[in-house]
C-alpha atoms as a PDB file:
ATOM      1  CA  UNK A   1     -48.910 -36.826 -20.502  1.00  0.00           C
ATOM      2  CA  UNK A   2     -48.289 -35.006 -16.846  1.00  0.00           C
ATOM      3  CA  UNK A   3     -45.232 -37.290 -16.723  1.00  0.00           C
ATOM      4  CA  UNK A   4     -43.824 -36.243 -20.132  1.00  0.00           C
ATOM      5  CA  UNK A   5     -44.959 -32.296 -19.084  1.00  0.00           C
ATOM      6  CA  UNK A   6     -42.709 -32.777 -15.711  1.00  0.00           C
ATOM      7  CA  UNK A   7     -39.541 -34.255 -17.826  1.00  0.00           C
ATOM      8  CA  UNK A   8     -39.794 -31.249 -20.504  1.00  0.00           C
ATOM      9  CA  UNK A   9     -39.899 -28.615 -17.661  1.00  0.00           C
ATOM     10  CA  UNK A  10     -37.333 -30.413 -15.763  1.00  0.00           C
ATOM     11  CA  UNK A  11     -35.079 -30.471 -18.805  1.00  0.00           C
ATOM     12  CA  UNK A  12     -35.642 -26.753 -19.620  1.00  0.00           C
ATOM     13  CA  UNK A  13     -34.183 -25.673 -15.854  1.00  0.00           C
ATOM     14  CA  UNK A  14     -31.391 -27.959 -15.969  1.00  0.00           C
ATOM     15  CA  UNK A  15     -30.585 -26.173 -19.942  1.00  0.00           C
ATOM     16  CA  UNK A  16     -31.197 -22.831 -18.558  1.00  0.00           C
ATOM     17  CA  UNK A  17     -29.114 -23.336 -14.989  1.00  0.00           C
ATOM     18  CA  UNK A  18     -26.254 -24.694 -17.503  1.00  0.00           C
ATOM     19  CA  UNK A  19     -26.654 -21.829 -19.697  1.00  0.00           C
ATOM     20  CA  UNK A  20     -26.276 -19.701 -16.110  1.00  0.00           C
ATOM     21  CA  UNK A  21     -23.218 -21.564 -15.080  1.00  0.00           C
ATOM     22  CA  UNK A  22     -22.094 -21.342 -18.274  1.00  0.00           C
ATOM     23  CA  UNK A  23     -22.442 -17.400 -18.184  1.00  0.00           C
ATOM     24  CA  UNK A  24     -20.780 -16.898 -15.019  1.00  0.00           C
ATOM     25  CA  UNK A  25     -17.639 -18.885 -16.419  1.00  0.00           C
ATOM     26  CA  UNK A  26     -17.629 -16.886 -19.560  1.00  0.00           C
ATOM     27  CA  UNK A  27     -17.990 -13.545 -17.984  1.00  0.00           C
ATOM     28  CA  UNK A  28     -14.901 -11.430 -18.579  1.00  0.00           C
ATOM     29  CA  UNK A  29     -13.209  -9.087 -16.341  1.00  0.00           C
ATOM     30  CA  UNK A  30     -11.055  -5.846 -16.585  1.00  0.00           C
ATOM     31  CA  UNK A  31      -9.014  -4.716 -13.757  1.00  0.00           C
ATOM     32  CA  UNK A  32      -7.144  -0.885 -14.265  1.00  0.00           C
ATOM     33  CA  UNK A  33      -3.993  -0.587 -11.838  1.00  0.00           C
ATOM     34  CA  UNK A  34      -2.565   2.602 -10.936  1.00  0.00           C
ATOM     35  CA  UNK A  35       0.350   3.000  -8.790  1.00  0.00           C
ATOM     36  CA  UNK A  36       2.676   5.744  -8.000  1.00  0.00           C
ATOM     37  CA  UNK A  37       6.217   5.093  -7.690  1.00  0.00           C
ATOM     38  CA  UNK A  38       7.510   1.179  -7.931  1.00  0.00           C
ATOM     39  CA  UNK A  39       7.266   0.859  -4.065  1.00  0.00           C
ATOM     40  CA  UNK A  40       4.204  -1.274  -4.083  1.00  0.00           C
ATOM     41  CA  UNK A  41       5.243  -4.295  -6.683  1.00  0.00           C
ATOM     42  CA  UNK A  42       4.554  -6.988  -4.130  1.00  0.00           C
ATOM     43  CA  UNK A  43       1.515  -5.404  -2.796  1.00  0.00           C
ATOM     44  CA  UNK A  44       0.639  -5.925  -6.728  1.00  0.00           C
ATOM     45  CA  UNK A  45       1.550  -9.323  -6.570  1.00  0.00           C
ATOM     46  CA  UNK A  46      -0.474 -10.136  -3.497  1.00  0.00           C
ATOM     47  CA  UNK A  47      -3.296  -8.559  -5.021  1.00  0.00           C
ATOM     48  CA  UNK A  48      -3.149 -10.664  -8.369  1.00  0.00           C
ATOM     49  CA  UNK A  49      -2.319 -13.611  -6.207  1.00  0.00           C
ATOM     50  CA  UNK A  50      -5.268 -13.624  -3.923  1.00  0.00           C
ATOM     51  CA  UNK A  51      -7.591 -12.958  -7.227  1.00  0.00           C
ATOM     52  CA  UNK A  52      -6.383 -15.827  -8.744  1.00  0.00           C
ATOM     53  CA  UNK A  53      -6.755 -18.117  -6.318  1.00  0.00           C
ATOM     54  CA  UNK A  54     -10.571 -16.222  -6.541  1.00  0.00           C
ATOM     55  CA  UNK A  55     -10.972 -17.472  -9.674  1.00  0.00           C
ATOM     56  CA  UNK A  56      -9.831 -14.147 -11.459  1.00  0.00           C
ATOM     57  CA  UNK A  57      -7.035 -16.034 -13.837  1.00  0.00           C
ATOM     58  CA  UNK A  58      -5.230 -13.442 -16.025  1.00  0.00           C
ATOM     59  CA  UNK A  59      -5.145 -14.278 -19.896  1.00  0.00           C
ATOM     60  CA  UNK A  60      -8.588 -16.474 -18.858  1.00  0.00           C
ATOM     61  CA  UNK A  61     -11.349 -14.740 -18.180  1.00  0.00           C
ATOM     62  CA  UNK A  62      -9.505 -11.490 -16.282  1.00  0.00           C
ATOM     63  CA  UNK A  63      -7.653  -8.572 -17.860  1.00  0.00           C
ATOM     64  CA  UNK A  64      -5.469  -6.229 -16.182  1.00  0.00           C
ATOM     65  CA  UNK A  65      -5.041  -2.653 -17.459  1.00  0.00           C
ATOM     66  CA  UNK A  66      -1.581  -2.079 -16.282  1.00  0.00           C
ATOM     67  CA  UNK A  67       0.512   0.799 -18.015  1.00  0.00           C
ATOM     68  CA  UNK A  68       3.228   1.295 -15.294  1.00  0.00           C
ATOM     69  CA  UNK A  69       3.798   2.912 -12.122  1.00  0.00           C
ATOM     70  CA  UNK A  70       3.457   6.604 -12.182  1.00  0.00           C
ATOM     71  CA  UNK A  71       7.437   8.377 -11.264  1.00  0.00           C
ATOM     72  CA  UNK A  72       5.249  11.897 -10.626  1.00  0.00           C
ATOM     73  CA  UNK A  73       1.704  12.889  -9.744  1.00  0.00           C
ATOM     74  CA  UNK A  74       1.212  14.074 -13.173  1.00  0.00           C
ATOM     75  CA  UNK A  75       1.707  10.628 -14.515  1.00  0.00           C
ATOM     76  CA  UNK A  76      -0.854   9.470 -12.356  1.00  0.00           C
ATOM     77  CA  UNK A  77      -3.395  11.892 -13.970  1.00  0.00           C
ATOM     78  CA  UNK A  78      -2.032  10.220 -17.810  1.00  0.00           C
ATOM     79  CA  UNK A  79      -1.966   6.710 -16.865  1.00  0.00           C
ATOM     80  CA  UNK A  80      -5.851   7.201 -15.471  1.00  0.00           C
ATOM     81  CA  UNK A  81      -7.099   8.640 -18.345  1.00  0.00           C
ATOM     82  CA  UNK A  82      -5.876   6.278 -20.490  1.00  0.00           C
ATOM     83  CA  UNK A  83      -7.321   3.458 -18.006  1.00  0.00           C
ATOM     84  CA  UNK A  84     -10.613   5.255 -18.335  1.00  0.00           C
ATOM     85  CA  UNK A  85     -10.340   4.436 -21.843  1.00  0.00           C
ATOM     86  CA  UNK A  86     -10.824   1.025 -21.876  1.00  0.00           C
ATOM     87  CA  UNK A  87     -13.987   1.040 -19.884  1.00  0.00           C
ATOM     88  CA  UNK A  88     -12.864  -1.026 -16.238  1.00  0.00           C
ATOM     89  CA  UNK A  89     -14.724  -3.116 -14.246  1.00  0.00           C
ATOM     90  CA  UNK A  90     -12.760  -1.778 -11.276  1.00  0.00           C
ATOM     91  CA  UNK A  91      -9.630   0.300 -10.626  1.00  0.00           C
ATOM     92  CA  UNK A  92      -6.612  -1.010  -7.974  1.00  0.00           C
ATOM     93  CA  UNK A  93      -4.856   1.930  -6.455  1.00  0.00           C
ATOM     94  CA  UNK A  94      -1.587   1.750  -4.470  1.00  0.00           C
ATOM     95  CA  UNK A  95      -0.637   5.084  -2.119  1.00  0.00           C
ATOM     96  CA  UNK A  96      -2.426   7.570  -1.479  1.00  0.00           C
ATOM     97  CA  UNK A  97      -1.913  10.309  -4.286  1.00  0.00           C
ATOM     98  CA  UNK A  98      -2.384   7.524  -6.717  1.00  0.00           C
ATOM     99  CA  UNK A  99      -5.914   6.669  -4.343  1.00  0.00           C
ATOM    100  CA  UNK A 100      -7.158  10.268  -4.612  1.00  0.00           C
ATOM    101  CA  UNK A 101      -6.428  10.491  -8.166  1.00  0.00           C
ATOM    102  CA  UNK A 102      -8.362   7.421  -9.510  1.00  0.00           C
ATOM    103  CA  UNK A 103     -11.086   8.516  -6.340  1.00  0.00           C
ATOM    104  CA  UNK A 104     -11.929  11.620  -8.128  1.00  0.00           C
ATOM    105  CA  UNK A 105     -11.623  10.334 -12.318  1.00  0.00           C
ATOM    106  CA  UNK A 106     -14.003   7.452 -11.630  1.00  0.00           C
ATOM    107  CA  UNK A 107     -16.722   9.441  -9.809  1.00  0.00           C
ATOM    108  CA  UNK A 108     -18.079  10.467 -12.878  1.00  0.00           C
ATOM    109  CA  UNK A 109     -18.742   6.845 -14.193  1.00  0.00           C
ATOM    110  CA  UNK A 110     -19.253   5.433 -10.932  1.00  0.00           C
ATOM    111  CA  UNK A 111     -16.486   2.502 -11.515  1.00  0.00           C
ATOM    112  CA  UNK A 112     -15.490   0.650  -8.198  1.00  0.00           C
ATOM    113  CA  UNK A 113     -12.021   1.780  -6.389  1.00  0.00           C
ATOM    114  CA  UNK A 114     -10.209  -0.415  -4.184  1.00  0.00           C
ATOM    115  CA  UNK A 115      -7.329   0.873  -2.411  1.00  0.00           C
ATOM    116  CA  UNK A 116      -4.248  -0.675  -0.757  1.00  0.00           C
ATOM    117  CA  UNK A 117      -2.837   0.896   0.803  1.00  0.00           C
ATOM    118  CA  UNK A 118      -3.432   4.366   1.737  1.00  0.00           C
ATOM    119  CA  UNK A 119      -2.349   6.056   5.152  1.00  0.00           C
ATOM    120  CA  UNK A 120      -5.446   8.087   6.234  1.00  0.00           C
ATOM    121  CA  UNK A 121      -7.987   8.062   3.516  1.00  0.00           C
ATOM    122  CA  UNK A 122     -10.515  10.596   5.872  1.00  0.00           C
ATOM    123  CA  UNK A 123      -7.988  12.760   5.652  1.00  0.00           C
ATOM    124  CA  UNK A 124      -6.697  12.087   2.493  1.00  0.00           C
ATOM    125  CA  UNK A 125     -10.837  13.188   1.076  1.00  0.00           C
ATOM    126  CA  UNK A 126     -11.573  10.273  -0.497  1.00  0.00           C
ATOM    127  CA  UNK A 127     -13.433   8.461   2.855  1.00  0.00           C
ATOM    128  CA  UNK A 128     -15.668   9.921   5.287  1.00  0.00           C
ATOM    129  CA  UNK A 129     -16.853   7.043   6.906  1.00  0.00           C
ATOM    130  CA  UNK A 130     -14.822   3.903   7.109  1.00  0.00           C
ATOM    131  CA  UNK A 131     -17.456   1.562   8.450  1.00  0.00           C
ATOM    132  CA  UNK A 132     -19.773   2.445   5.119  1.00  0.00           C
ATOM    133  CA  UNK A 133     -17.696   4.473   2.591  1.00  0.00           C
ATOM    134  CA  UNK A 134     -21.250   4.851   0.677  1.00  0.00           C
ATOM    135  CA  UNK A 135     -19.403   5.749  -2.439  1.00  0.00           C
ATOM    136  CA  UNK A 136     -17.693   3.961  -5.291  1.00  0.00           C
ATOM    137  CA  UNK A 137     -14.132   3.572  -2.980  1.00  0.00           C
ATOM    138  CA  UNK A 138     -13.139   1.272  -0.439  1.00  0.00           C
ATOM    139  CA  UNK A 139     -10.045  -0.538   0.466  1.00  0.00           C
ATOM    140  CA  UNK A 140      -7.425  -1.079   2.974  1.00  0.00           C
ATOM    141  CA  UNK A 141      -5.902   1.728   5.034  1.00  0.00           C
ATOM    142  CA  UNK A 142      -2.528   1.684   7.403  1.00  0.00           C
ATOM    143  CA  UNK A 143      -2.929   1.786  11.242  1.00  0.00           C
ATOM    144  CA  UNK A 144      -1.981   5.217  12.831  1.00  0.00           C
ATOM    145  CA  UNK A 145       1.438   3.374  14.111  1.00  0.00           C
ATOM    146  CA  UNK A 146       4.122   5.366  12.837  1.00  0.00           C
ATOM    147  CA  UNK A 147       4.244   6.602  16.415  1.00  0.00           C
ATOM    148  CA  UNK A 148       5.145   3.321  17.728  1.00  0.00           C
ATOM    149  CA  UNK A 149       7.558   2.523  14.891  1.00  0.00           C
ATOM    150  CA  UNK A 150       9.521   5.819  16.177  1.00  0.00           C
ATOM    151  CA  UNK A 151       9.119   4.846  19.608  1.00  0.00           C
ATOM    152  CA  UNK A 152      10.610   1.210  18.115  1.00  0.00           C
ATOM    153  CA  UNK A 153      13.335   2.534  16.787  1.00  0.00           C
ATOM    154  CA  UNK A 154      14.549   4.580  20.423  1.00  0.00           C
ATOM    155  CA  UNK A 155      14.634   1.370  21.919  1.00  0.00           C
ATOM    156  CA  UNK A 156      16.746  -0.424  18.790  1.00  0.00           C
ATOM    157  CA  UNK A 157      19.550   2.145  19.579  1.00  0.00           C
ATOM    158  CA  UNK A 158      18.880   4.169  23.033  1.00  0.00           C
ATOM    159  CA  UNK A 159      21.446   6.492  21.615  1.00  0.00           C
ATOM    160  CA  UNK A 160      18.667   8.154  19.222  1.00  0.00           C
ATOM    161  CA  UNK A 161      18.795  11.818  19.770  1.00  0.00           C
ATOM    162  CA  UNK A 162      18.199  13.315  16.318  1.00  0.00           C
ATOM    163  CA  UNK A 163      16.334  11.959  13.497  1.00  0.00           C
ATOM    164  CA  UNK A 164      15.895  13.205   9.828  1.00  0.00           C
ATOM    165  CA  UNK A 165      12.565  12.913   8.507  1.00  0.00           C
ATOM    166  CA  UNK A 166      12.788  13.704   4.373  1.00  0.00           C
ATOM    167  CA  UNK A 167       9.678  13.910   3.076  1.00  0.00           C
ATOM    168  CA  UNK A 168       7.362  15.120   0.176  1.00  0.00           C
ATOM    169  CA  UNK A 169       5.231  18.291   1.564  1.00  0.00           C
ATOM    170  CA  UNK A 170       2.649  17.710  -1.672  1.00  0.00           C
ATOM    171  CA  UNK A 171       1.940  14.100  -0.338  1.00  0.00           C
ATOM    172  CA  UNK A 172      -0.985  14.031   2.318  1.00  0.00           C
ATOM    173  CA  UNK A 173       0.498  10.778   3.003  1.00  0.00           C
ATOM    174  CA  UNK A 174       3.455  12.121   4.612  1.00  0.00           C
ATOM    175  CA  UNK A 175       2.166  14.898   5.770  1.00  0.00           C
ATOM    176  CA  UNK A 176      -0.172  12.303   8.257  1.00  0.00           C
ATOM    177  CA  UNK A 177       3.518  10.873   9.239  1.00  0.00           C
ATOM    178  CA  UNK A 178       4.654  14.130  10.200  1.00  0.00           C
ATOM    179  CA  UNK A 179       1.670  14.947  12.079  1.00  0.00           C
ATOM    180  CA  UNK A 180       1.539  11.493  13.593  1.00  0.00           C
ATOM    181  CA  UNK A 181       5.245  11.354  14.760  1.00  0.00           C
ATOM    182  CA  UNK A 182       5.476  14.996  16.224  1.00  0.00           C
ATOM    183  CA  UNK A 183       4.264  14.237  19.501  1.00  0.00           C
ATOM    184  CA  UNK A 184       6.411  10.821  20.576  1.00  0.00           C
ATOM    185  CA  UNK A 185       9.413  12.546  19.399  1.00  0.00           C
ATOM    186  CA  UNK A 186       8.899  15.200  22.102  1.00  0.00           C
ATOM    187  CA  UNK A 187       7.548  12.764  24.846  1.00  0.00           C
ATOM    188  CA  UNK A 188      10.866  10.262  23.545  1.00  0.00           C
ATOM    189  CA  UNK A 189      12.810  13.342  23.831  1.00  0.00           C
ATOM    190  CA  UNK A 190      14.054  13.170  20.330  1.00  0.00           C
ATOM    191  CA  UNK A 191      14.155  15.679  17.799  1.00  0.00           C
ATOM    192  CA  UNK A 192      13.076  15.755  14.457  1.00  0.00           C
ATOM    193  CA  UNK A 193      14.895  17.344  11.323  1.00  0.00           C
ATOM    194  CA  UNK A 194      12.032  17.789   8.632  1.00  0.00           C
ATOM    195  CA  UNK A 195      13.603  17.802   5.276  1.00  0.00           C
ATOM    196  CA  UNK A 196      11.543  18.786   2.639  1.00  0.00           C
ATOM    197  CA  UNK A 197      12.001  16.910  -1.122  1.00  0.00           C
ATOM    198  CA  UNK A 198      10.013  18.062  -3.796  1.00  0.00           C
ATOM    199  CA  UNK A 199      12.545  16.684  -6.175  1.00  0.00           C
ATOM    200  CA  UNK A 200      15.328  13.933  -7.764  1.00  0.00           C
ATOM    201  CA  UNK A 201      17.908  16.579  -7.493  1.00  0.00           C
ATOM    202  CA  UNK A 202      17.128  18.108  -4.045  1.00  0.00           C
ATOM    203  CA  UNK A 203      17.118  14.111  -3.152  1.00  0.00           C
ATOM    204  CA  UNK A 204      20.648  13.525  -4.408  1.00  0.00           C
ATOM    205  CA  UNK A 205      22.224  16.510  -2.837  1.00  0.00           C
ATOM    206  CA  UNK A 206      20.717  15.586   0.454  1.00  0.00           C
ATOM    207  CA  UNK A 207      22.304  11.820   0.049  1.00  0.00           C
ATOM    208  CA  UNK A 208      25.220  13.433  -0.582  1.00  0.00           C
ATOM    209  CA  UNK A 209      25.321  15.643   2.128  1.00  0.00           C
ATOM    210  CA  UNK A 210      23.284  14.051   5.000  1.00  0.00           C
ATOM    211  CA  UNK A 211      24.267  15.662   8.445  1.00  0.00           C
ATOM    212  CA  UNK A 212      27.107  14.276  10.573  1.00  0.00           C
ATOM    213  CA  UNK A 213      24.900  14.929  14.195  1.00  0.00           C
ATOM    214  CA  UNK A 214      21.774  12.487  13.337  1.00  0.00           C
ATOM    215  CA  UNK A 215      21.635   8.856  14.450  1.00  0.00           C
ATOM    216  CA  UNK A 216      18.851   7.591  11.876  1.00  0.00           C
ATOM    217  CA  UNK A 217      16.714   8.445   9.426  1.00  0.00           C
ATOM    218  CA  UNK A 218      12.865   7.629   9.767  1.00  0.00           C
ATOM    219  CA  UNK A 219      10.969   7.173   6.071  1.00  0.00           C
ATOM    220  CA  UNK A 220       7.433   8.584   6.369  1.00  0.00           C
ATOM    221  CA  UNK A 221       4.730   6.996   4.012  1.00  0.00           C
ATOM    222  CA  UNK A 222       5.753   8.395   1.099  1.00  0.00           C
ATOM    223  CA  UNK A 223       5.854   7.293  -1.747  1.00  0.00           C
ATOM    224  CA  UNK A 224       8.129   9.380  -4.007  1.00  0.00           C
ATOM    225  CA  UNK A 225      10.871   9.226  -0.586  1.00  0.00           C
ATOM    226  CA  UNK A 226       9.831   5.076   0.100  1.00  0.00           C
ATOM    227  CA  UNK A 227      10.850   4.332  -3.547  1.00  0.00           C
ATOM    228  CA  UNK A 228      14.641   5.476  -2.955  1.00  0.00           C
ATOM    229  CA  UNK A 229      14.782   2.959   0.041  1.00  0.00           C
ATOM    230  CA  UNK A 230      17.735   1.324  -1.481  1.00  0.00           C
ATOM    231  CA  UNK A 231      19.222   4.498  -2.034  1.00  0.00           C
ATOM    232  CA  UNK A 232      19.041   5.635   1.071  1.00  0.00           C
ATOM    233  CA  UNK A 233      19.707   1.798   2.617  1.00  0.00           C
ATOM    234  CA  UNK A 234      23.224   2.222   1.183  1.00  0.00           C
ATOM    235  CA  UNK A 235      24.064   5.448   2.702  1.00  0.00           C
ATOM    236  CA  UNK A 236      22.952   4.643   6.138  1.00  0.00           C
ATOM    237  CA  UNK A 237      24.872   1.654   5.829  1.00  0.00           C
ATOM    238  CA  UNK A 238      27.940   3.617   4.982  1.00  0.00           C
ATOM    239  CA  UNK A 239      27.180   6.064   7.919  1.00  0.00           C
ATOM    240  CA  UNK A 240      26.652   3.451  10.085  1.00  0.00           C
ATOM    241  CA  UNK A 241      23.124   4.915  11.038  1.00  0.00           C
ATOM    242  CA  UNK A 242      19.909   3.439  11.526  1.00  0.00           C
ATOM    243  CA  UNK A 243      17.009   3.665   9.058  1.00  0.00           C
ATOM    244  CA  UNK A 244      13.608   3.254   9.556  1.00  0.00           C
ATOM    245  CA  UNK A 245      10.773   2.205   7.121  1.00  0.00           C
ATOM    246  CA  UNK A 246       6.810   1.608   7.588  1.00  0.00           C
ATOM    247  CA  UNK A 247       7.271  -1.590   5.142  1.00  0.00           C
ATOM    248  CA  UNK A 248       8.547  -5.237   5.583  1.00  0.00           C
ATOM    249  CA  UNK A 249      10.083  -5.488   1.709  1.00  0.00           C
ATOM    250  CA  UNK A 250      12.187  -2.617   2.528  1.00  0.00           C
ATOM    251  CA  UNK A 251      13.738  -4.079   5.218  1.00  0.00           C
ATOM    252  CA  UNK A 252      14.359  -6.986   3.414  1.00  0.00           C
ATOM    253  CA  UNK A 253      16.245  -4.690   0.914  1.00  0.00           C
ATOM    254  CA  UNK A 254      18.249  -3.138   3.548  1.00  0.00           C
ATOM    255  CA  UNK A 255      16.384  -1.132   5.911  1.00  0.00           C
ATOM    256  CA  UNK A 256      17.900  -1.545   9.809  1.00  0.00           C
ATOM    257  CA  UNK A 257      14.268  -1.986  11.020  1.00  0.00           C
ATOM    258  CA  UNK A 258      11.045  -0.797  10.588  1.00  0.00           C
ATOM    259  CA  UNK A 259       7.292  -1.144  11.901  1.00  0.00           C
ATOM    260  CA  UNK A 260       4.404  -1.468  10.036  1.00  0.00           C
ATOM    261  CA  UNK A 261       3.156  -3.483   6.858  1.00  0.00           C
ATOM    262  CA  UNK A 262       3.656  -6.103   4.335  1.00  0.00           C
ATOM    263  CA  UNK A 263       2.901  -4.886   0.999  1.00  0.00           C
ATOM    264  CA  UNK A 264       1.760  -8.580   0.013  1.00  0.00           C
ATOM    265  CA  UNK A 265      -0.385  -9.156   2.370  1.00  0.00           C
ATOM    266  CA  UNK A 266      -1.955  -5.998   2.262  1.00  0.00           C
ATOM    267  CA  UNK A 267      -2.418  -6.492  -1.673  1.00  0.00           C
ATOM    268  CA  UNK A 268      -3.984 -10.111  -0.731  1.00  0.00           C
ATOM    269  CA  UNK A 269      -6.461  -8.474   1.760  1.00  0.00           C
ATOM    270  CA  UNK A 270      -7.537  -5.872  -1.307  1.00  0.00           C
ATOM    271  CA  UNK A 271      -8.138  -8.392  -3.132  1.00  0.00           C
ATOM    272  CA  UNK A 272     -10.646  -9.997  -0.790  1.00  0.00           C
ATOM    273  CA  UNK A 273     -12.635  -6.747  -1.061  1.00  0.00           C
ATOM    274  CA  UNK A 274     -12.182  -6.631  -4.883  1.00  0.00           C
ATOM    275  CA  UNK A 275     -13.292 -10.107  -5.441  1.00  0.00           C
ATOM    276  CA  UNK A 276     -16.503  -8.987  -3.516  1.00  0.00           C
ATOM    277  CA  UNK A 277     -17.523  -6.016  -5.456  1.00  0.00           C
ATOM    278  CA  UNK A 278     -16.728  -8.192  -8.747  1.00  0.00           C
ATOM    279  CA  UNK A 279     -19.172 -10.298  -7.296  1.00  0.00           C
ATOM    280  CA  UNK A 280     -21.673  -7.663  -7.114  1.00  0.00           C
ATOM    281  CA  UNK A 281     -21.227  -6.377  -3.649  1.00  0.00           C
ATOM    282  CA  UNK A 282     -21.366  -2.465  -4.204  1.00  0.00           C
ATOM    283  CA  UNK A 283     -17.791  -0.876  -2.759  1.00  0.00           C
ATOM    284  CA  UNK A 284     -20.113   1.944  -0.729  1.00  0.00           C
ATOM    285  CA  UNK A 285     -21.087  -1.376   1.356  1.00  0.00           C
ATOM    286  CA  UNK A 286     -17.943  -2.771   2.094  1.00  0.00           C
ATOM    287  CA  UNK A 287     -16.105  -1.455   5.734  1.00  0.00           C
ATOM    288  CA  UNK A 288     -12.380   0.215   4.699  1.00  0.00           C
ATOM    289  CA  UNK A 289     -10.136  -2.801   6.389  1.00  0.00           C
ATOM    290  CA  UNK A 290      -7.058  -2.280   8.860  1.00  0.00           C
ATOM    291  CA  UNK A 291      -3.960  -3.501   7.752  1.00  0.00           C
ATOM    292  CA  UNK A 292      -2.062  -5.691  10.441  1.00  0.00           C
ATOM    293  CA  UNK A 293       1.221  -3.861  11.768  1.00  0.00           C
ATOM    294  CA  UNK A 294       4.399  -6.017  12.189  1.00  0.00           C
ATOM    295  CA  UNK A 295       7.560  -5.609  13.835  1.00  0.00           C
ATOM    296  CA  UNK A 296      10.794  -6.025  12.008  1.00  0.00           C
ATOM    297  CA  UNK A 297      14.470  -5.738  11.864  1.00  0.00           C
ATOM    298  CA  UNK A 298      17.246  -6.881   9.820  1.00  0.00           C
ATOM    299  CA  UNK A 299      20.085  -8.790  11.743  1.00  0.00           C
ATOM    300  CA  UNK A 300      22.560  -8.400   8.622  1.00  0.00           C
ATOM    301  CA  UNK A 301      22.153  -4.741   8.678  1.00  0.00           C
ATOM    302  CA  UNK A 302      22.435  -4.264  12.240  1.00  0.00           C
ATOM    303  CA  UNK A 303      25.596  -6.442  12.209  1.00  0.00           C
ATOM    304  CA  UNK A 304      27.217  -4.223   9.421  1.00  0.00           C
ATOM    305  CA  UNK A 305      26.321  -0.739  11.387  1.00  0.00           C
ATOM    306  CA  UNK A 306      27.974  -2.364  14.696  1.00  0.00           C
ATOM    307  CA  UNK A 307      24.517  -1.884  16.366  1.00  0.00           C
ATOM    308  CA  UNK A 308      24.319  -4.663  19.114  1.00  0.00           C
ATOM    309  CA  UNK A 309      20.272  -5.694  19.902  1.00  0.00           C
ATOM    310  CA  UNK A 310      19.264  -7.914  23.152  1.00  0.00           C
ATOM    311  CA  UNK A 311      17.854 -10.930  22.126  1.00  0.00           C
ATOM    312  CA  UNK A 312      14.662  -9.912  24.453  1.00  0.00           C
ATOM    313  CA  UNK A 313      14.248  -6.982  21.099  1.00  0.00           C
ATOM    314  CA  UNK A 314      15.289  -9.583  18.386  1.00  0.00           C
ATOM    315  CA  UNK A 315      12.553 -12.315  19.720  1.00  0.00           C
ATOM    316  CA  UNK A 316       9.674  -9.562  19.092  1.00  0.00           C
ATOM    317  CA  UNK A 317      10.928  -8.682  15.593  1.00  0.00           C
ATOM    318  CA  UNK A 318       8.465 -10.427  12.493  1.00  0.00           C
ATOM    319  CA  UNK A 319       9.881 -13.895  10.820  1.00  0.00           C
ATOM    320  CA  UNK A 320       9.023 -15.820   8.186  1.00  0.00           C
END
């Protein structure tokens, strides 16, 4: 009788264990995606690829709610409203403007938000404590390295004295970049030509009338400006001047040089955080991580603009 009772209890335990595992296997996840401009496409690729490796399989147990990238601040809000109607388990946001909007709209329902990347989440007003966010948002920030990027620009081309910095003054991330590089410019003896850009029309006008006395264009961490990287790259190659960018993918697409992050890697970094949240860890308990910085050079472009660079510098550049 005692043996029979033990067998029955063991059978029930195994049955319950099997049900629990089956429930985990059958659990469905929905992830909202909001991006400002098309500049973070590879960040999203990295995010999805890493989540796939963690067991969050699109089309099986995971659905992405993605209405495409927003082309303006107004579109960010419109797309987020649509995402919220689908009751996502979590929202993944790329760029500072998209993350600010996601933070605000998700706060009421306490929906977790993972950002990647955001230039400075504290100055953006979405985080007060990087080590213990405490609310419904966390993610991957960028290191304060734009001053170092400006320094690398002057090392690459010692003739650099005047640098054009196009920027959207409404983007907090762009403003952070400018604050960061002003002191460095003074130290390096570089004059910054700050050019506010508010629209596509203003951008096209600038591109058609680039100053003749500049040696480089320095792209800030600004979604709108960076989304036109290929146009800047073409113009800089024609004028035989340097184009500096904060991300690797832009150097692959024709920018001369850069110092900063690799979007795909940052996306994978954010996915680890998202996976932990989807498995039950509160976002407020997960410290904000910092993306790793790298030095980038496009040798083909160096040749096109006839800029000679020593091997001692080339050896320090990132190689896949």
